Amino acid sequence: MEVGGVMILRHITSIERAKNIVETGNFICAYGDPLARDACLNCLNGSNGNQPEASGVMLKFRWSGNEPIMNKTGDLPRPLKPDYLYDEGPWRLVVPIGTTNHLTFDSIETKDREALNDFLNNCTPRYQKILCNWRTSKRQKLLAWFNSKKGVSIKVVGPNEEIGRNRVRLEFFLRVTSVCRG
């Protein structure tokens, strides 16, 4: 979907992962090898029926780079060049690992109210401090937090890449998810 020359990309994920992506400015790919087919940010393309493993919210990103490079067979040569958007037909749009430009967070849409409520009821004290006070519901606070992050630049990185002073690992990602679930 295009809005004023900027393309809106849609990615379905869990609320925990969405919070981590927007908070850190990093989408962590499942695989760090640029030759792997899933070393990328997968986005919905049209109204395809793909349902990701982790669901609950739809993150919307703004893509300000190239028009999608199309390959209707879904067989793009690897490795994909970072900072480009690729179209693999009705299956998905792909933002490859190593992308550091053109991708910003736009908005969030809740898809699974039960998953959102579970997150809010079981979140860590750190998130409770950020999200909760007696005047505003936790859900409103969470959505307001996401709204305040509109325009945050997002990088697509591998699970073991150096980010600032921290070493980001898949284990960290899984720990955050398990802590938030209680």
C-alpha atoms as a PDB file:
ATOM      1  CA  MET A   1       0.000   0.000   0.000  1.00  0.00           C
ATOM      2  CA  GLU A   2       1.432   3.407  -0.954  1.00  0.00           C
ATOM      3  CA  VAL A   3       0.822   6.695   0.848  1.00  0.00           C
ATOM      4  CA  GLY A   4       2.266   9.812  -0.813  1.00  0.00           C
ATOM      5  CA  GLY A   5       5.154   7.959  -2.509  1.00  0.00           C
ATOM      6  CA  VAL A   6       5.999   6.053   0.672  1.00  0.00           C
ATOM      7  CA  MET A   7       5.056   2.399   0.880  1.00  0.00           C
ATOM      8  CA  ILE A   8       3.434   1.024   4.043  1.00  0.00           C
ATOM      9  CA  LEU A   9       4.738  -2.452   4.935  1.00  0.00           C
ATOM     10  CA  ARG A  10       2.768  -4.706   7.288  1.00  0.00           C
ATOM     11  CA  HIS A  11       4.317  -7.309   9.601  1.00  0.00           C
ATOM     12  CA  ILE A  12       2.340  -9.498  12.012  1.00  0.00           C
ATOM     13  CA  THR A  13       4.070 -10.458  15.254  1.00  0.00           C
ATOM     14  CA  SER A  14       3.516 -10.830  19.004  1.00  0.00           C
ATOM     15  CA  ILE A  15       3.137  -7.788  21.238  1.00  0.00           C
ATOM     16  CA  GLU A  16       6.375  -8.725  23.054  1.00  0.00           C
ATOM     17  CA  ARG A  17       8.355  -8.832  19.821  1.00  0.00           C
ATOM     18  CA  ALA A  18       6.704  -5.643  18.546  1.00  0.00           C
ATOM     19  CA  LYS A  19       7.726  -3.790  21.721  1.00  0.00           C
ATOM     20  CA  ASN A  20      11.295  -5.085  21.396  1.00  0.00           C
ATOM     21  CA  ILE A  21      11.545  -4.092  17.708  1.00  0.00           C
ATOM     22  CA  VAL A  22      10.330  -0.556  18.290  1.00  0.00           C
ATOM     23  CA  GLU A  23      12.201  -0.074  21.577  1.00  0.00           C
ATOM     24  CA  THR A  24      15.583  -1.204  20.209  1.00  0.00           C
ATOM     25  CA  GLY A  25      15.126  -0.026  16.613  1.00  0.00           C
ATOM     26  CA  ASN A  26      16.212  -3.489  15.452  1.00  0.00           C
ATOM     27  CA  PHE A  27      14.299  -6.262  13.754  1.00  0.00           C
ATOM     28  CA  ILE A  28      16.262  -9.417  14.598  1.00  0.00           C
ATOM     29  CA  CYS A  29      16.103 -11.999  11.807  1.00  0.00           C
ATOM     30  CA  ALA A  30      15.788 -15.670  12.639  1.00  0.00           C
ATOM     31  CA  TYR A  31      18.966 -16.359  10.651  1.00  0.00           C
ATOM     32  CA  GLY A  32      22.166 -14.344  10.419  1.00  0.00           C
ATOM     33  CA  ASP A  33      23.367 -15.895   7.168  1.00  0.00           C
ATOM     34  CA  PRO A  34      22.479 -13.558   4.245  1.00  0.00           C
ATOM     35  CA  LEU A  35      22.094 -16.639   2.022  1.00  0.00           C
ATOM     36  CA  ALA A  36      19.198 -17.938   4.160  1.00  0.00           C
ATOM     37  CA  ARG A  37      15.728 -17.272   2.744  1.00  0.00           C
ATOM     38  CA  ASP A  38      14.513 -15.936   6.107  1.00  0.00           C
ATOM     39  CA  ALA A  39      17.429 -13.582   6.770  1.00  0.00           C
ATOM     40  CA  CYS A  40      14.975 -10.722   6.372  1.00  0.00           C
ATOM     41  CA  LEU A  41      11.932  -8.864   7.620  1.00  0.00           C
ATOM     42  CA  ASN A  42       8.926 -10.615   6.039  1.00  0.00           C
ATOM     43  CA  CYS A  43       5.974  -8.366   5.263  1.00  0.00           C
ATOM     44  CA  LEU A  44       2.515  -9.197   3.998  1.00  0.00           C
ATOM     45  CA  ASN A  45       2.005  -8.676   0.287  1.00  0.00           C
ATOM     46  CA  GLY A  46      -1.587  -7.844  -0.565  1.00  0.00           C
ATOM     47  CA  SER A  47      -4.138 -10.050   1.122  1.00  0.00           C
ATOM     48  CA  ASN A  48      -2.117 -13.264   1.221  1.00  0.00           C
ATOM     49  CA  GLY A  49      -3.079 -15.950   3.685  1.00  0.00           C
ATOM     50  CA  ASN A  50       0.282 -16.247   5.441  1.00  0.00           C
ATOM     51  CA  GLN A  51      -0.168 -16.323   9.195  1.00  0.00           C
ATOM     52  CA  PRO A  52       3.083 -15.932  11.115  1.00  0.00           C
ATOM     53  CA  GLU A  53       3.919 -18.065  14.124  1.00  0.00           C
ATOM     54  CA  ALA A  54       3.842 -15.100  16.528  1.00  0.00           C
ATOM     55  CA  SER A  55       0.711 -13.002  16.192  1.00  0.00           C
ATOM     56  CA  GLY A  56      -1.338 -10.504  18.114  1.00  0.00           C
ATOM     57  CA  VAL A  57      -0.441  -7.181  16.516  1.00  0.00           C
ATOM     58  CA  MET A  58       0.315  -5.802  13.088  1.00  0.00           C
ATOM     59  CA  LEU A  59       3.297  -3.467  12.906  1.00  0.00           C
ATOM     60  CA  LYS A  60       3.211  -0.962  10.080  1.00  0.00           C
ATOM     61  CA  PHE A  61       6.473   0.410   8.715  1.00  0.00           C
ATOM     62  CA  ARG A  62       7.119   3.179   6.204  1.00  0.00           C
ATOM     63  CA  TRP A  63       9.452   2.255   3.341  1.00  0.00           C
ATOM     64  CA  SER A  64      10.973   5.323   1.664  1.00  0.00           C
ATOM     65  CA  GLY A  65      13.447   3.493  -0.582  1.00  0.00           C
ATOM     66  CA  ASN A  66      13.142   1.873  -3.996  1.00  0.00           C
ATOM     67  CA  GLU A  67      10.036   0.500  -5.677  1.00  0.00           C
ATOM     68  CA  PRO A  68       9.944  -3.244  -4.899  1.00  0.00           C
ATOM     69  CA  ILE A  69      12.233  -5.360  -7.066  1.00  0.00           C
ATOM     70  CA  MET A  70       9.819  -7.952  -8.420  1.00  0.00           C
ATOM     71  CA  ASN A  71      10.291 -11.632  -8.919  1.00  0.00           C
ATOM     72  CA  LYS A  72       6.982 -13.435  -9.254  1.00  0.00           C
ATOM     73  CA  THR A  73       8.595 -16.878  -9.006  1.00  0.00           C
ATOM     74  CA  GLY A  74       9.720 -16.178  -5.443  1.00  0.00           C
ATOM     75  CA  ASP A  75      13.231 -17.252  -6.361  1.00  0.00           C
ATOM     76  CA  LEU A  76      15.367 -14.164  -5.791  1.00  0.00           C
ATOM     77  CA  PRO A  77      19.132 -14.684  -6.041  1.00  0.00           C
ATOM     78  CA  ARG A  78      20.817 -14.680  -2.631  1.00  0.00           C
ATOM     79  CA  PRO A  79      22.285 -12.797  -0.916  1.00  0.00           C
ATOM     80  CA  LEU A  80      19.807  -9.957  -1.266  1.00  0.00           C
ATOM     81  CA  LYS A  81      21.270  -6.455  -1.336  1.00  0.00           C
ATOM     82  CA  PRO A  82      20.544  -4.508   1.891  1.00  0.00           C
ATOM     83  CA  ASP A  83      18.515  -1.288   1.758  1.00  0.00           C
ATOM     84  CA  TYR A  84      16.312  -2.604  -1.070  1.00  0.00           C
ATOM     85  CA  LEU A  85      12.759  -3.920  -0.961  1.00  0.00           C
ATOM     86  CA  TYR A  86      11.994  -7.158  -2.804  1.00  0.00           C
ATOM     87  CA  ASP A  87       8.628  -8.500  -3.972  1.00  0.00           C
ATOM     88  CA  GLU A  88       8.277 -12.288  -3.975  1.00  0.00           C
ATOM     89  CA  GLY A  89       4.855 -12.331  -5.601  1.00  0.00           C
ATOM     90  CA  PRO A  90       1.736 -12.901  -3.557  1.00  0.00           C
ATOM     91  CA  TRP A  91       3.764 -14.621  -0.841  1.00  0.00           C
ATOM     92  CA  ARG A  92       5.666 -11.714   0.755  1.00  0.00           C
ATOM     93  CA  LEU A  93       7.621  -8.484   0.571  1.00  0.00           C
ATOM     94  CA  VAL A  94      11.202  -8.805   1.851  1.00  0.00           C
ATOM     95  CA  VAL A  95      13.524  -6.309   3.573  1.00  0.00           C
ATOM     96  CA  PRO A  96      16.915  -8.089   3.720  1.00  0.00           C
ATOM     97  CA  ILE A  97      19.327  -8.448   6.602  1.00  0.00           C
ATOM     98  CA  GLY A  98      21.793  -5.558   6.753  1.00  0.00           C
ATOM     99  CA  THR A  99      19.194  -2.904   5.915  1.00  0.00           C
ATOM    100  CA  THR A 100      19.903   0.312   7.817  1.00  0.00           C
ATOM    101  CA  ASN A 101      18.052   2.904   5.691  1.00  0.00           C
ATOM    102  CA  HIS A 102      14.545   3.674   4.411  1.00  0.00           C
ATOM    103  CA  LEU A 103      12.582   1.757   7.084  1.00  0.00           C
ATOM    104  CA  THR A 104      10.771   3.520   9.944  1.00  0.00           C
ATOM    105  CA  PHE A 105       8.080   2.492  12.397  1.00  0.00           C
ATOM    106  CA  ASP A 106       4.675   3.959  11.517  1.00  0.00           C
ATOM    107  CA  SER A 107       1.943   2.449  13.687  1.00  0.00           C
ATOM    108  CA  ILE A 108       0.546  -0.631  15.379  1.00  0.00           C
ATOM    109  CA  GLU A 109      -2.808  -2.342  15.064  1.00  0.00           C
ATOM    110  CA  THR A 110      -4.006  -4.883  17.620  1.00  0.00           C
ATOM    111  CA  LYS A 111      -5.178  -8.152  16.063  1.00  0.00           C
ATOM    112  CA  ASP A 112      -5.620 -10.386  19.114  1.00  0.00           C
ATOM    113  CA  ARG A 113      -7.106  -8.669  22.170  1.00  0.00           C
ATOM    114  CA  GLU A 114      -6.519 -11.741  24.368  1.00  0.00           C
ATOM    115  CA  ALA A 115      -2.768 -11.817  23.590  1.00  0.00           C
ATOM    116  CA  LEU A 116      -2.535  -8.083  24.292  1.00  0.00           C
ATOM    117  CA  ASN A 117      -4.329  -8.498  27.631  1.00  0.00           C
ATOM    118  CA  ASP A 118      -2.044 -11.411  28.595  1.00  0.00           C
ATOM    119  CA  PHE A 119       0.997  -9.241  27.878  1.00  0.00           C
ATOM    120  CA  LEU A 120      -0.365  -6.326  29.902  1.00  0.00           C
ATOM    121  CA  ASN A 121      -1.346  -8.523  32.849  1.00  0.00           C
ATOM    122  CA  ASN A 122       1.970 -10.396  32.956  1.00  0.00           C
ATOM    123  CA  CYS A 123       4.500  -7.772  31.910  1.00  0.00           C
ATOM    124  CA  THR A 124       7.677  -7.142  33.883  1.00  0.00           C
ATOM    125  CA  PRO A 125       7.878  -4.427  36.558  1.00  0.00           C
ATOM    126  CA  ARG A 126       9.957  -2.319  34.125  1.00  0.00           C
ATOM    127  CA  TYR A 127       7.153  -2.365  31.534  1.00  0.00           C
ATOM    128  CA  GLN A 128       4.535  -1.856  34.246  1.00  0.00           C
ATOM    129  CA  LYS A 129       6.345   1.329  35.304  1.00  0.00           C
ATOM    130  CA  ILE A 130       6.350   2.574  31.690  1.00  0.00           C
ATOM    131  CA  LEU A 131       2.793   1.567  30.856  1.00  0.00           C
ATOM    132  CA  CYS A 132       0.703   1.787  33.986  1.00  0.00           C
ATOM    133  CA  ASN A 133      -0.760   4.499  36.167  1.00  0.00           C
ATOM    134  CA  TRP A 134      -4.114   4.893  37.900  1.00  0.00           C
ATOM    135  CA  ARG A 135      -5.545   7.452  35.428  1.00  0.00           C
ATOM    136  CA  THR A 136      -5.083   5.586  32.158  1.00  0.00           C
ATOM    137  CA  SER A 137      -5.726   1.980  31.256  1.00  0.00           C
ATOM    138  CA  LYS A 138      -2.695  -0.183  30.514  1.00  0.00           C
ATOM    139  CA  ARG A 139      -3.921  -0.765  26.954  1.00  0.00           C
ATOM    140  CA  GLN A 140      -4.213   2.987  26.289  1.00  0.00           C
ATOM    141  CA  LYS A 141      -0.749   3.551  27.771  1.00  0.00           C
ATOM    142  CA  LEU A 142       0.788   0.835  25.588  1.00  0.00           C
ATOM    143  CA  LEU A 143      -0.807   2.193  22.418  1.00  0.00           C
ATOM    144  CA  ALA A 144       0.235   5.741  23.394  1.00  0.00           C
ATOM    145  CA  TRP A 145       3.807   4.492  23.882  1.00  0.00           C
ATOM    146  CA  PHE A 146       3.796   2.997  20.368  1.00  0.00           C
ATOM    147  CA  ASN A 147       2.289   6.214  18.961  1.00  0.00           C
ATOM    148  CA  SER A 148       5.109   8.205  20.570  1.00  0.00           C
ATOM    149  CA  LYS A 149       7.638   6.079  18.665  1.00  0.00           C
ATOM    150  CA  LYS A 150       6.312   6.898  15.175  1.00  0.00           C
ATOM    151  CA  GLY A 151       9.257   7.575  12.860  1.00  0.00           C
ATOM    152  CA  VAL A 152      11.795   5.468  14.808  1.00  0.00           C
ATOM    153  CA  SER A 153      14.358   4.108  12.337  1.00  0.00           C
ATOM    154  CA  ILE A 154      14.419   0.301  12.114  1.00  0.00           C
ATOM    155  CA  LYS A 155      17.428  -1.824  11.114  1.00  0.00           C
ATOM    156  CA  VAL A 156      17.201  -5.444   9.977  1.00  0.00           C
ATOM    157  CA  VAL A 157      19.942  -7.374  11.760  1.00  0.00           C
ATOM    158  CA  GLY A 158      21.055 -10.940  12.411  1.00  0.00           C
ATOM    159  CA  PRO A 159      20.736 -12.655  15.790  1.00  0.00           C
ATOM    160  CA  ASN A 160      24.446 -12.276  16.625  1.00  0.00           C
ATOM    161  CA  GLU A 161      25.298  -8.850  15.213  1.00  0.00           C
ATOM    162  CA  GLU A 162      26.983  -6.131  17.237  1.00  0.00           C
ATOM    163  CA  ILE A 163      24.563  -3.319  18.074  1.00  0.00           C
ATOM    164  CA  GLY A 164      26.139  -0.446  19.968  1.00  0.00           C
ATOM    165  CA  ARG A 165      27.907  -1.851  23.019  1.00  0.00           C
ATOM    166  CA  ASN A 166      25.548  -4.785  23.410  1.00  0.00           C
ATOM    167  CA  ARG A 167      25.755  -8.192  21.814  1.00  0.00           C
ATOM    168  CA  VAL A 168      22.228  -9.098  20.687  1.00  0.00           C
ATOM    169  CA  ARG A 169      21.545 -12.813  20.689  1.00  0.00           C
ATOM    170  CA  LEU A 170      18.533 -14.922  19.974  1.00  0.00           C
ATOM    171  CA  GLU A 171      18.688 -16.126  23.611  1.00  0.00           C
ATOM    172  CA  PHE A 172      18.049 -12.537  24.796  1.00  0.00           C
ATOM    173  CA  PHE A 173      15.068 -12.331  22.504  1.00  0.00           C
ATOM    174  CA  LEU A 174      13.650 -15.563  23.914  1.00  0.00           C
ATOM    175  CA  ARG A 175      14.311 -14.434  27.509  1.00  0.00           C
ATOM    176  CA  VAL A 176      12.353 -11.191  26.966  1.00  0.00           C
ATOM    177  CA  THR A 177       9.450 -13.167  25.546  1.00  0.00           C
ATOM    178  CA  SER A 178       9.426 -15.714  28.390  1.00  0.00           C
ATOM    179  CA  VAL A 179       9.732 -13.035  31.104  1.00  0.00           C
ATOM    180  CA  CYS A 180       6.806 -11.073  29.663  1.00  0.00           C
ATOM    181  CA  ARG A 181       4.635 -14.180  29.579  1.00  0.00           C
ATOM    182  CA  GLY A 182       5.265 -14.866  33.239  1.00  0.00           C
END
